[in-house]
C-alpha atoms as a PDB file:
ATOM      1  CA  UNK A   1      97.391-108.227 -22.154  1.00  0.00           C
ATOM      2  CA  UNK A   2     100.552-109.626 -23.878  1.00  0.00           C
ATOM      3  CA  UNK A   3     103.707-107.739 -26.254  1.00  0.00           C
ATOM      4  CA  UNK A   4     101.924-109.681 -29.370  1.00  0.00           C
ATOM      5  CA  UNK A   5      97.962-107.918 -29.210  1.00  0.00           C
ATOM      6  CA  UNK A   6      97.127-104.254 -29.970  1.00  0.00           C
ATOM      7  CA  UNK A   7      96.953-103.103 -26.199  1.00  0.00           C
ATOM      8  CA  UNK A   8     100.229-104.583 -26.101  1.00  0.00           C
ATOM      9  CA  UNK A   9     101.846-103.040 -28.937  1.00  0.00           C
ATOM     10  CA  UNK A  10     100.279 -99.767 -27.935  1.00  0.00           C
ATOM     11  CA  UNK A  11     101.886 -99.527 -24.553  1.00  0.00           C
ATOM     12  CA  UNK A  12     105.275-101.365 -26.186  1.00  0.00           C
ATOM     13  CA  UNK A  13     105.298 -98.228 -28.519  1.00  0.00           C
ATOM     14  CA  UNK A  14     104.413 -95.531 -26.286  1.00  0.00           C
ATOM     15  CA  UNK A  15     107.495 -96.730 -23.847  1.00  0.00           C
ATOM     16  CA  UNK A  16     110.078 -96.382 -26.502  1.00  0.00           C
ATOM     17  CA  UNK A  17     108.830 -92.922 -27.253  1.00  0.00           C
ATOM     18  CA  UNK A  18     108.859 -92.218 -24.906  1.00  0.00           C
ATOM     19  CA  UNK A  19     112.957 -93.159 -24.243  1.00  0.00           C
ATOM     20  CA  UNK A  20     113.721 -91.619 -27.102  1.00  0.00           C
ATOM     21  CA  UNK A  21     111.814 -88.012 -26.611  1.00  0.00           C
ATOM     22  CA  UNK A  22     113.538 -88.198 -23.270  1.00  0.00           C
ATOM     23  CA  UNK A  23     116.705 -89.226 -24.127  1.00  0.00           C
ATOM     24  CA  UNK A  24     116.766 -86.143 -27.248  1.00  0.00           C
ATOM     25  CA  UNK A  25     115.933 -84.299 -24.696  1.00  0.00           C
ATOM     26  CA  UNK A  26     118.652 -84.536 -22.291  1.00  0.00           C
ATOM     27  CA  UNK A  27     121.413 -85.182 -25.193  1.00  0.00           C
ATOM     28  CA  UNK A  28     120.202 -81.376 -26.188  1.00  0.00           C
ATOM     29  CA  UNK A  29     121.409 -79.963 -22.515  1.00  0.00           C
ATOM     30  CA  UNK A  30     124.919 -80.439 -23.960  1.00  0.00           C
ATOM     31  CA  UNK A  31     124.579 -77.865 -26.195  1.00  0.00           C
ATOM     32  CA  UNK A  32     123.225 -75.714 -23.805  1.00  0.00           C
ATOM     33  CA  UNK A  33     125.736 -75.617 -20.573  1.00  0.00           C
ATOM     34  CA  UNK A  34     127.726 -72.265 -20.931  1.00  0.00           C
ATOM     35  CA  UNK A  35     129.872 -70.292 -18.584  1.00  0.00           C
ATOM     36  CA  UNK A  36     126.092 -69.880 -16.254  1.00  0.00           C
ATOM     37  CA  UNK A  37     127.342 -73.584 -15.491  1.00  0.00           C
ATOM     38  CA  UNK A  38     130.981 -72.880 -14.624  1.00  0.00           C
ATOM     39  CA  UNK A  39     130.071 -69.668 -12.537  1.00  0.00           C
ATOM     40  CA  UNK A  40     127.492 -71.766 -10.609  1.00  0.00           C
ATOM     41  CA  UNK A  41     129.593 -74.398 -10.180  1.00  0.00           C
ATOM     42  CA  UNK A  42     132.388 -72.161  -9.046  1.00  0.00           C
ATOM     43  CA  UNK A  43     129.930 -70.397  -7.046  1.00  0.00           C
ATOM     44  CA  UNK A  44     128.618 -73.473  -5.086  1.00  0.00           C
ATOM     45  CA  UNK A  45     132.368 -74.371  -4.344  1.00  0.00           C
ATOM     46  CA  UNK A  46     133.702 -71.347  -3.003  1.00  0.00           C
ATOM     47  CA  UNK A  47     130.241 -70.694  -0.663  1.00  0.00           C
ATOM     48  CA  UNK A  48     130.423 -70.711   2.728  1.00  0.00           C
ATOM     49  CA  UNK A  49     126.412 -71.360   3.577  1.00  0.00           C
ATOM     50  CA  UNK A  50     124.352 -74.017   1.837  1.00  0.00           C
ATOM     51  CA  UNK A  51     122.555 -74.926  -1.678  1.00  0.00           C
ATOM     52  CA  UNK A  52     119.213 -74.348  -0.463  1.00  0.00           C
ATOM     53  CA  UNK A  53     116.820 -76.070  -3.662  1.00  0.00           C
ATOM     54  CA  UNK A  54     112.776 -74.748  -4.054  1.00  0.00           C
ATOM     55  CA  UNK A  55     110.602 -75.793  -6.838  1.00  0.00           C
ATOM     56  CA  UNK A  56     106.623 -75.881  -6.942  1.00  0.00           C
ATOM     57  CA  UNK A  57     105.414 -79.581  -7.581  1.00  0.00           C
ATOM     58  CA  UNK A  58     107.108 -81.564 -10.140  1.00  0.00           C
ATOM     59  CA  UNK A  59     109.824 -79.516 -10.151  1.00  0.00           C
ATOM     60  CA  UNK A  60     109.933 -79.932  -6.159  1.00  0.00           C
ATOM     61  CA  UNK A  61     109.941 -83.482  -6.292  1.00  0.00           C
ATOM     62  CA  UNK A  62     113.042 -82.998  -9.202  1.00  0.00           C
ATOM     63  CA  UNK A  63     114.551 -80.342  -6.316  1.00  0.00           C
ATOM     64  CA  UNK A  64     113.931 -81.984  -4.020  1.00  0.00           C
ATOM     65  CA  UNK A  65     116.330 -85.045  -5.533  1.00  0.00           C
ATOM     66  CA  UNK A  66     118.808 -82.410  -6.462  1.00  0.00           C
ATOM     67  CA  UNK A  67     119.433 -81.444  -2.523  1.00  0.00           C
ATOM     68  CA  UNK A  68     119.360 -85.129  -1.125  1.00  0.00           C
ATOM     69  CA  UNK A  69     122.119 -85.780  -3.841  1.00  0.00           C
ATOM     70  CA  UNK A  70     124.020 -82.121  -3.047  1.00  0.00           C
ATOM     71  CA  UNK A  71     123.660 -83.517   0.357  1.00  0.00           C
ATOM     72  CA  UNK A  72     125.451 -86.775  -0.347  1.00  0.00           C
ATOM     73  CA  UNK A  73     128.095 -85.655  -2.594  1.00  0.00           C
ATOM     74  CA  UNK A  74     129.748 -82.879  -0.162  1.00  0.00           C
ATOM     75  CA  UNK A  75     127.893 -79.885  -0.624  1.00  0.00           C
ATOM     76  CA  UNK A  76     125.459 -78.195   2.426  1.00  0.00           C
ATOM     77  CA  UNK A  77     122.334 -78.502   0.939  1.00  0.00           C
ATOM     78  CA  UNK A  78     117.974 -78.864   1.783  1.00  0.00           C
ATOM     79  CA  UNK A  79     115.091 -78.898  -0.027  1.00  0.00           C
ATOM     80  CA  UNK A  80     112.528 -75.741   0.432  1.00  0.00           C
ATOM     81  CA  UNK A  81     109.204 -75.636  -0.558  1.00  0.00           C
ATOM     82  CA  UNK A  82     107.846 -72.423  -1.841  1.00  0.00           C
ATOM     83  CA  UNK A  83     104.439 -72.027  -0.145  1.00  0.00           C
ATOM     84  CA  UNK A  84     106.737 -72.455   3.495  1.00  0.00           C
ATOM     85  CA  UNK A  85     108.991 -70.399   2.263  1.00  0.00           C
ATOM     86  CA  UNK A  86     106.276 -67.276   1.590  1.00  0.00           C
ATOM     87  CA  UNK A  87     105.104 -68.226   5.456  1.00  0.00           C
ATOM     88  CA  UNK A  88     108.184 -67.837   7.207  1.00  0.00           C
ATOM     89  CA  UNK A  89     110.259 -70.637   6.642  1.00  0.00           C
ATOM     90  CA  UNK A  90     112.592 -68.207   4.867  1.00  0.00           C
ATOM     91  CA  UNK A  91     114.282 -67.131   8.060  1.00  0.00           C
ATOM     92  CA  UNK A  92     116.554 -70.304   7.390  1.00  0.00           C
ATOM     93  CA  UNK A  93     118.303 -68.809   4.704  1.00  0.00           C
ATOM     94  CA  UNK A  94     121.407 -66.737   5.415  1.00  0.00           C
ATOM     95  CA  UNK A  95     123.093 -64.730   3.003  1.00  0.00           C
ATOM     96  CA  UNK A  96     125.369 -66.456   2.569  1.00  0.00           C
ATOM     97  CA  UNK A  97     123.431 -69.533   1.223  1.00  0.00           C
ATOM     98  CA  UNK A  98     122.867 -69.825  -2.639  1.00  0.00           C
ATOM     99  CA  UNK A  99     119.700 -70.667  -3.512  1.00  0.00           C
ATOM    100  CA  UNK A 100     118.307 -72.721  -6.588  1.00  0.00           C
ATOM    101  CA  UNK A 101     115.224 -71.982  -7.979  1.00  0.00           C
ATOM    102  CA  UNK A 102     113.445 -74.766 -10.339  1.00  0.00           C
ATOM    103  CA  UNK A 103     110.547 -73.707 -12.492  1.00  0.00           C
ATOM    104  CA  UNK A 104     110.118 -75.024 -15.917  1.00  0.00           C
ATOM    105  CA  UNK A 105     108.345 -71.488 -17.189  1.00  0.00           C
ATOM    106  CA  UNK A 106     109.674 -69.460 -15.399  1.00  0.00           C
ATOM    107  CA  UNK A 107     106.443 -67.815 -13.650  1.00  0.00           C
ATOM    108  CA  UNK A 108     105.463 -70.515 -11.188  1.00  0.00           C
ATOM    109  CA  UNK A 109     103.925 -68.081  -8.918  1.00  0.00           C
ATOM    110  CA  UNK A 110     105.007 -69.336  -5.337  1.00  0.00           C
ATOM    111  CA  UNK A 111     109.181 -69.481  -6.445  1.00  0.00           C
ATOM    112  CA  UNK A 112     108.335 -65.367  -7.787  1.00  0.00           C
ATOM    113  CA  UNK A 113     107.021 -64.065  -4.675  1.00  0.00           C
ATOM    114  CA  UNK A 114     110.296 -64.735  -3.367  1.00  0.00           C
ATOM    115  CA  UNK A 115     112.535 -62.866  -5.522  1.00  0.00           C
ATOM    116  CA  UNK A 116     112.340 -59.426  -3.415  1.00  0.00           C
ATOM    117  CA  UNK A 117     113.534 -60.880  -0.055  1.00  0.00           C
ATOM    118  CA  UNK A 118     116.184 -63.181  -1.409  1.00  0.00           C
ATOM    119  CA  UNK A 119     117.581 -59.769  -3.536  1.00  0.00           C
ATOM    120  CA  UNK A 120     117.239 -57.604  -0.671  1.00  0.00           C
ATOM    121  CA  UNK A 121     118.605 -60.380   1.507  1.00  0.00           C
ATOM    122  CA  UNK A 122     121.995 -60.747  -0.746  1.00  0.00           C
ATOM    123  CA  UNK A 123     121.537 -64.139  -2.027  1.00  0.00           C
ATOM    124  CA  UNK A 124     123.187 -65.119  -5.121  1.00  0.00           C
ATOM    125  CA  UNK A 125     120.007 -66.741  -7.490  1.00  0.00           C
ATOM    126  CA  UNK A 126     120.617 -69.406  -9.669  1.00  0.00           C
ATOM    127  CA  UNK A 127     117.337 -70.676 -11.605  1.00  0.00           C
ATOM    128  CA  UNK A 128     116.544 -73.617 -13.348  1.00  0.00           C
ATOM    129  CA  UNK A 129     114.287 -72.724 -15.936  1.00  0.00           C
ATOM    130  CA  UNK A 130     113.413 -73.677 -19.640  1.00  0.00           C
ATOM    131  CA  UNK A 131     112.825 -70.153 -20.545  1.00  0.00           C
ATOM    132  CA  UNK A 132     115.325 -67.624 -20.291  1.00  0.00           C
ATOM    133  CA  UNK A 133     113.303 -64.843 -21.091  1.00  0.00           C
ATOM    134  CA  UNK A 134     111.112 -65.644 -18.431  1.00  0.00           C
ATOM    135  CA  UNK A 135     110.417 -63.479 -15.070  1.00  0.00           C
ATOM    136  CA  UNK A 136     112.650 -66.269 -12.950  1.00  0.00           C
ATOM    137  CA  UNK A 137     115.344 -66.387 -15.316  1.00  0.00           C
ATOM    138  CA  UNK A 138     116.011 -62.592 -16.175  1.00  0.00           C
ATOM    139  CA  UNK A 139     116.080 -61.908 -12.309  1.00  0.00           C
ATOM    140  CA  UNK A 140     118.542 -64.862 -11.328  1.00  0.00           C
ATOM    141  CA  UNK A 141     122.412 -64.336 -10.906  1.00  0.00           C
ATOM    142  CA  UNK A 142     122.834 -67.429 -13.071  1.00  0.00           C
ATOM    143  CA  UNK A 143     120.301 -69.103 -15.111  1.00  0.00           C
ATOM    144  CA  UNK A 144     120.683 -72.993 -16.365  1.00  0.00           C
ATOM    145  CA  UNK A 145     118.571 -73.810 -19.347  1.00  0.00           C
ATOM    146  CA  UNK A 146     116.696 -77.122 -18.983  1.00  0.00           C
ATOM    147  CA  UNK A 147     114.683 -76.068 -22.091  1.00  0.00           C
ATOM    148  CA  UNK A 148     112.995 -79.320 -24.073  1.00  0.00           C
ATOM    149  CA  UNK A 149     111.534 -79.375 -27.696  1.00  0.00           C
ATOM    150  CA  UNK A 150     108.797 -81.476 -26.475  1.00  0.00           C
ATOM    151  CA  UNK A 151     107.347 -82.833 -23.376  1.00  0.00           C
ATOM    152  CA  UNK A 152     107.175 -87.263 -23.744  1.00  0.00           C
ATOM    153  CA  UNK A 153     103.665 -86.450 -22.423  1.00  0.00           C
ATOM    154  CA  UNK A 154     101.822 -87.329 -25.352  1.00  0.00           C
ATOM    155  CA  UNK A 155      98.642 -83.954 -24.339  1.00  0.00           C
ATOM    156  CA  UNK A 156     102.116 -82.340 -23.690  1.00  0.00           C
ATOM    157  CA  UNK A 157     100.851 -81.196 -20.620  1.00  0.00           C
ATOM    158  CA  UNK A 158     102.154 -83.335 -17.510  1.00  0.00           C
ATOM    159  CA  UNK A 159     106.457 -83.010 -16.910  1.00  0.00           C
ATOM    160  CA  UNK A 160     108.237 -86.034 -18.215  1.00  0.00           C
ATOM    161  CA  UNK A 161     110.973 -84.621 -20.211  1.00  0.00           C
ATOM    162  CA  UNK A 162     111.279 -80.998 -18.941  1.00  0.00           C
ATOM    163  CA  UNK A 163     111.369 -82.887 -15.273  1.00  0.00           C
ATOM    164  CA  UNK A 164     114.343 -85.213 -16.679  1.00  0.00           C
ATOM    165  CA  UNK A 165     116.057 -82.898 -18.097  1.00  0.00           C
ATOM    166  CA  UNK A 166     116.160 -81.053 -15.337  1.00  0.00           C
ATOM    167  CA  UNK A 167     117.823 -84.154 -12.594  1.00  0.00           C
ATOM    168  CA  UNK A 168     119.566 -84.252 -15.425  1.00  0.00           C
ATOM    169  CA  UNK A 169     121.205 -81.094 -14.787  1.00  0.00           C
ATOM    170  CA  UNK A 170     120.942 -80.887 -11.383  1.00  0.00           C
ATOM    171  CA  UNK A 171     123.109 -84.544 -11.153  1.00  0.00           C
ATOM    172  CA  UNK A 172     125.299 -82.573 -14.284  1.00  0.00           C
ATOM    173  CA  UNK A 173     126.154 -80.073 -11.150  1.00  0.00           C
ATOM    174  CA  UNK A 174     126.376 -82.536  -8.078  1.00  0.00           C
ATOM    175  CA  UNK A 175     128.712 -84.246 -10.184  1.00  0.00           C
ATOM    176  CA  UNK A 176     131.024 -81.288 -11.574  1.00  0.00           C
ATOM    177  CA  UNK A 177     131.325 -80.317  -8.216  1.00  0.00           C
ATOM    178  CA  UNK A 178     132.533 -83.369  -6.795  1.00  0.00           C
ATOM    179  CA  UNK A 179     135.325 -83.553  -9.615  1.00  0.00           C
ATOM    180  CA  UNK A 180     135.850 -80.536  -8.983  1.00  0.00           C
ATOM    181  CA  UNK A 181     136.962 -80.877  -5.293  1.00  0.00           C
ATOM    182  CA  UNK A 182     138.028 -84.328  -5.772  1.00  0.00           C
ATOM    183  CA  UNK A 183     135.553 -85.626  -3.673  1.00  0.00           C
ATOM    184  CA  UNK A 184     137.099 -89.379  -3.212  1.00  0.00           C
ATOM    185  CA  UNK A 185     134.689 -92.917  -2.301  1.00  0.00           C
ATOM    186  CA  UNK A 186     136.001 -91.956   1.413  1.00  0.00           C
ATOM    187  CA  UNK A 187     134.319 -88.855   2.027  1.00  0.00           C
ATOM    188  CA  UNK A 188     131.304 -90.173   0.496  1.00  0.00           C
ATOM    189  CA  UNK A 189     131.318 -93.225   3.044  1.00  0.00           C
ATOM    190  CA  UNK A 190     131.477 -90.274   5.355  1.00  0.00           C
ATOM    191  CA  UNK A 191     127.383 -89.515   4.533  1.00  0.00           C
ATOM    192  CA  UNK A 192     126.558 -92.565   3.852  1.00  0.00           C
ATOM    193  CA  UNK A 193     127.653 -95.121   7.632  1.00  0.00           C
ATOM    194  CA  UNK A 194     124.604 -97.165   7.511  1.00  0.00           C
ATOM    195  CA  UNK A 195     125.035 -98.131   3.725  1.00  0.00           C
ATOM    196  CA  UNK A 196     127.542-101.305   2.534  1.00  0.00           C
ATOM    197  CA  UNK A 197     130.036 -98.474   0.986  1.00  0.00           C
ATOM    198  CA  UNK A 198     130.066 -96.897   4.238  1.00  0.00           C
ATOM    199  CA  UNK A 199     130.455-100.202   6.288  1.00  0.00           C
ATOM    200  CA  UNK A 200     134.119-101.172   4.200  1.00  0.00           C
ATOM    201  CA  UNK A 201     135.548 -97.406   4.832  1.00  0.00           C
ATOM    202  CA  UNK A 202     134.601 -96.384   7.530  1.00  0.00           C
ATOM    203  CA  UNK A 203     134.750 -99.428   9.555  1.00  0.00           C
ATOM    204  CA  UNK A 204     136.917-101.763  11.768  1.00  0.00           C
ATOM    205  CA  UNK A 205     137.061-104.868  12.009  1.00  0.00           C
ATOM    206  CA  UNK A 206     137.054-105.060  16.109  1.00  0.00           C
ATOM    207  CA  UNK A 207     133.456-103.259  14.888  1.00  0.00           C
ATOM    208  CA  UNK A 208     132.241-106.051  12.839  1.00  0.00           C
ATOM    209  CA  UNK A 209     134.090-109.520  14.432  1.00  0.00           C
ATOM    210  CA  UNK A 210     132.393-112.588  16.199  1.00  0.00           C
ATOM    211  CA  UNK A 211     134.164-112.057  20.048  1.00  0.00           C
ATOM    212  CA  UNK A 212     131.816-114.438  22.081  1.00  0.00           C
ATOM    213  CA  UNK A 213     131.574-117.891  22.575  1.00  0.00           C
ATOM    214  CA  UNK A 214     134.106-118.757  19.538  1.00  0.00           C
ATOM    215  CA  UNK A 215     134.487-122.424  18.605  1.00  0.00           C
ATOM    216  CA  UNK A 216     138.084-123.482  19.985  1.00  0.00           C
ATOM    217  CA  UNK A 217     139.526-127.047  19.902  1.00  0.00           C
ATOM    218  CA  UNK A 218     142.747-128.409  20.889  1.00  0.00           C
ATOM    219  CA  UNK A 219     145.097-129.956  18.503  1.00  0.00           C
ATOM    220  CA  UNK A 220     144.361-132.835  19.971  1.00  0.00           C
ATOM    221  CA  UNK A 221     140.703-133.103  19.661  1.00  0.00           C
ATOM    222  CA  UNK A 222     138.830-135.709  17.382  1.00  0.00           C
ATOM    223  CA  UNK A 223     137.348-135.285  14.258  1.00  0.00           C
ATOM    224  CA  UNK A 224     133.724-135.700  16.161  1.00  0.00           C
ATOM    225  CA  UNK A 225     135.081-132.777  17.937  1.00  0.00           C
ATOM    226  CA  UNK A 226     135.493-131.007  15.516  1.00  0.00           C
ATOM    227  CA  UNK A 227     132.444-131.377  13.408  1.00  0.00           C
ATOM    228  CA  UNK A 228     130.622-130.653  16.798  1.00  0.00           C
ATOM    229  CA  UNK A 229     132.337-126.899  17.395  1.00  0.00           C
ATOM    230  CA  UNK A 230     131.630-126.559  13.446  1.00  0.00           C
ATOM    231  CA  UNK A 231     127.894-127.283  14.440  1.00  0.00           C
ATOM    232  CA  UNK A 232     127.250-125.275  17.629  1.00  0.00           C
ATOM    233  CA  UNK A 233     128.790-122.175  15.706  1.00  0.00           C
ATOM    234  CA  UNK A 234     127.221-119.675  13.264  1.00  0.00           C
ATOM    235  CA  UNK A 235     130.748-119.396  11.980  1.00  0.00           C
ATOM    236  CA  UNK A 236     130.493-122.759   9.442  1.00  0.00           C
ATOM    237  CA  UNK A 237     134.475-123.319  10.993  1.00  0.00           C
ATOM    238  CA  UNK A 238     136.365-124.733  13.116  1.00  0.00           C
ATOM    239  CA  UNK A 239     139.761-123.055  15.336  1.00  0.00           C
ATOM    240  CA  UNK A 240     142.577-124.972  16.431  1.00  0.00           C
ATOM    241  CA  UNK A 241     144.656-123.981  19.401  1.00  0.00           C
ATOM    242  CA  UNK A 242     147.746-126.299  18.607  1.00  0.00           C
ATOM    243  CA  UNK A 243     151.326-126.538  19.406  1.00  0.00           C
ATOM    244  CA  UNK A 244     151.738-125.112  16.323  1.00  0.00           C
ATOM    245  CA  UNK A 245     149.870-121.784  15.964  1.00  0.00           C
ATOM    246  CA  UNK A 246     146.809-121.292  15.086  1.00  0.00           C
ATOM    247  CA  UNK A 247     144.302-123.331  12.594  1.00  0.00           C
ATOM    248  CA  UNK A 248     141.645-123.433  11.218  1.00  0.00           C
ATOM    249  CA  UNK A 249     139.455-126.371   9.920  1.00  0.00           C
ATOM    250  CA  UNK A 250     135.934-125.304   7.746  1.00  0.00           C
ATOM    251  CA  UNK A 251     132.844-127.194   6.679  1.00  0.00           C
ATOM    252  CA  UNK A 252     134.897-127.965   3.344  1.00  0.00           C
ATOM    253  CA  UNK A 253     137.871-129.046   5.113  1.00  0.00           C
ATOM    254  CA  UNK A 254     135.743-131.778   6.884  1.00  0.00           C
ATOM    255  CA  UNK A 255     134.640-132.755   3.434  1.00  0.00           C
ATOM    256  CA  UNK A 256     138.347-133.317   1.885  1.00  0.00           C
ATOM    257  CA  UNK A 257     139.289-134.853   4.766  1.00  0.00           C
ATOM    258  CA  UNK A 258     136.920-137.490   4.546  1.00  0.00           C
ATOM    259  CA  UNK A 259     137.464-138.139   0.522  1.00  0.00           C
ATOM    260  CA  UNK A 260     141.274-138.427   1.748  1.00  0.00           C
ATOM    261  CA  UNK A 261     140.761-140.234   4.690  1.00  0.00           C
ATOM    262  CA  UNK A 262     137.516-141.979   3.948  1.00  0.00           C
ATOM    263  CA  UNK A 263     136.332-144.195   7.215  1.00  0.00           C
ATOM    264  CA  UNK A 264     139.765-143.541   8.727  1.00  0.00           C
ATOM    265  CA  UNK A 265     138.644-140.224   9.099  1.00  0.00           C
ATOM    266  CA  UNK A 266     137.471-140.663  12.445  1.00  0.00           C
ATOM    267  CA  UNK A 267     141.151-141.662  13.898  1.00  0.00           C
ATOM    268  CA  UNK A 268     142.012-138.522  12.692  1.00  0.00           C
ATOM    269  CA  UNK A 269     143.035-135.443  15.147  1.00  0.00           C
ATOM    270  CA  UNK A 270     142.271-131.504  14.462  1.00  0.00           C
ATOM    271  CA  UNK A 271     145.589-131.142  13.587  1.00  0.00           C
ATOM    272  CA  UNK A 272     145.353-133.826  10.926  1.00  0.00           C
ATOM    273  CA  UNK A 273     142.465-131.512   9.275  1.00  0.00           C
ATOM    274  CA  UNK A 274     143.474-127.910  10.299  1.00  0.00           C
ATOM    275  CA  UNK A 275     145.236-124.580   7.816  1.00  0.00           C
ATOM    276  CA  UNK A 276     147.844-123.994   9.872  1.00  0.00           C
ATOM    277  CA  UNK A 277     148.555-119.701  10.167  1.00  0.00           C
ATOM    278  CA  UNK A 278     145.201-118.941   8.032  1.00  0.00           C
ATOM    279  CA  UNK A 279     144.694-115.504   6.428  1.00  0.00           C
ATOM    280  CA  UNK A 280     144.374-113.130   9.810  1.00  0.00           C
ATOM    281  CA  UNK A 281     144.051-108.972  10.201  1.00  0.00           C
ATOM    282  CA  UNK A 282     144.938-107.040  12.931  1.00  0.00           C
ATOM    283  CA  UNK A 283     142.175-105.385  14.500  1.00  0.00           C
ATOM    284  CA  UNK A 284     143.265-101.534  13.289  1.00  0.00           C
ATOM    285  CA  UNK A 285     142.799-102.945  10.118  1.00  0.00           C
ATOM    286  CA  UNK A 286     139.940-101.403   8.169  1.00  0.00           C
ATOM    287  CA  UNK A 287     137.071-103.194   6.906  1.00  0.00           C
ATOM    288  CA  UNK A 288     137.651-102.486   3.197  1.00  0.00           C
ATOM    289  CA  UNK A 289     141.313-103.589   3.214  1.00  0.00           C
ATOM    290  CA  UNK A 290     140.362-107.318   5.487  1.00  0.00           C
ATOM    291  CA  UNK A 291     137.576-107.574   2.893  1.00  0.00           C
ATOM    292  CA  UNK A 292     139.724-107.061   0.315  1.00  0.00           C
ATOM    293  CA  UNK A 293     141.964-109.360   2.167  1.00  0.00           C
ATOM    294  CA  UNK A 294     139.210-112.201   1.256  1.00  0.00           C
ATOM    295  CA  UNK A 295     138.279-111.589  -2.044  1.00  0.00           C
ATOM    296  CA  UNK A 296     142.216-112.027  -2.852  1.00  0.00           C
ATOM    297  CA  UNK A 297     141.831-115.435  -0.892  1.00  0.00           C
ATOM    298  CA  UNK A 298     138.843-116.528  -1.863  1.00  0.00           C
ATOM    299  CA  UNK A 299     137.809-117.161   1.818  1.00  0.00           C
ATOM    300  CA  UNK A 300     135.296-115.915   3.843  1.00  0.00           C
ATOM    301  CA  UNK A 301     136.189-115.581   7.393  1.00  0.00           C
ATOM    302  CA  UNK A 302     139.628-114.355   8.641  1.00  0.00           C
ATOM    303  CA  UNK A 303     141.269-114.435  12.183  1.00  0.00           C
ATOM    304  CA  UNK A 304     141.488-111.394  14.120  1.00  0.00           C
ATOM    305  CA  UNK A 305     144.555-110.691  16.550  1.00  0.00           C
ATOM    306  CA  UNK A 306     145.401-108.094  19.148  1.00  0.00           C
ATOM    307  CA  UNK A 307     149.042-108.835  18.838  1.00  0.00           C
ATOM    308  CA  UNK A 308     149.543-112.122  19.413  1.00  0.00           C
ATOM    309  CA  UNK A 309     146.277-112.682  21.451  1.00  0.00           C
ATOM    310  CA  UNK A 310     143.468-114.400  19.194  1.00  0.00           C
ATOM    311  CA  UNK A 311     140.713-111.635  19.462  1.00  0.00           C
ATOM    312  CA  UNK A 312     137.718-112.735  17.468  1.00  0.00           C
ATOM    313  CA  UNK A 313     137.255-114.204  14.088  1.00  0.00           C
ATOM    314  CA  UNK A 314     135.203-111.544  11.367  1.00  0.00           C
ATOM    315  CA  UNK A 315     133.454-113.364   8.787  1.00  0.00           C
ATOM    316  CA  UNK A 316     132.259-111.819   5.425  1.00  0.00           C
END
């Protein structure tokens, strides 16, 4: 199959039609958000409990993503399967929790069965449905309309545009909560310590720097000793201890020295080749600031000092 073949043209037409239908479905949500959306944000901001997201089938899959987005952006949240809820997991629901129930029809039996408990337990119920007159919508304290004009599925059977609209509504809630709270990158990093952002914002250079077997040579060392030190190290550089202070010699410095001195380069010393007083930071520096300094100076390594003592090398 190629893009020019009959089957390829059918595939491309189908893809473009899906994109158009789902894009229109999401754009139409802008006209549906009202006071209930504002009240939902206010409820979640002011709640002393968690946001519990619940849905069945495809709605449940979307609900899991919404709960995960909430949790990573400052709103304590988790997903609860309605079937498991009905068979014991409701014991995890505290009256202070806000319950977000998702059902496109608003009539999903597994979700509807939970309504008596939620009412008796005193939970605020936010419903996401495509039918404002449905059982779930009418039972809810707040209703977010995620109805769509049509599904992207040509048979109008598989949830497609409706699940995209629901996901977008969940994202809108999460972003509104973030902006209302003044959620900052530092806050996001706290919940993502293993990611690159967490490394930049939470770590200090002492957590990341190389401290053992540093490639150190004296200022009087010959060029071959410098090359040997660089080769034996995975840092791509040699550290030079001289009377004038600390210096650095990189692979690039050696190449430039060869161009400058030609054969005489092997008669030179480390002090002749080094960059004196290279860029450095202290051990307490945040990784964010250290990496920004590397970017400003277009370098890939920094010396790290603890007071006047060399403590290690930070490599990008």
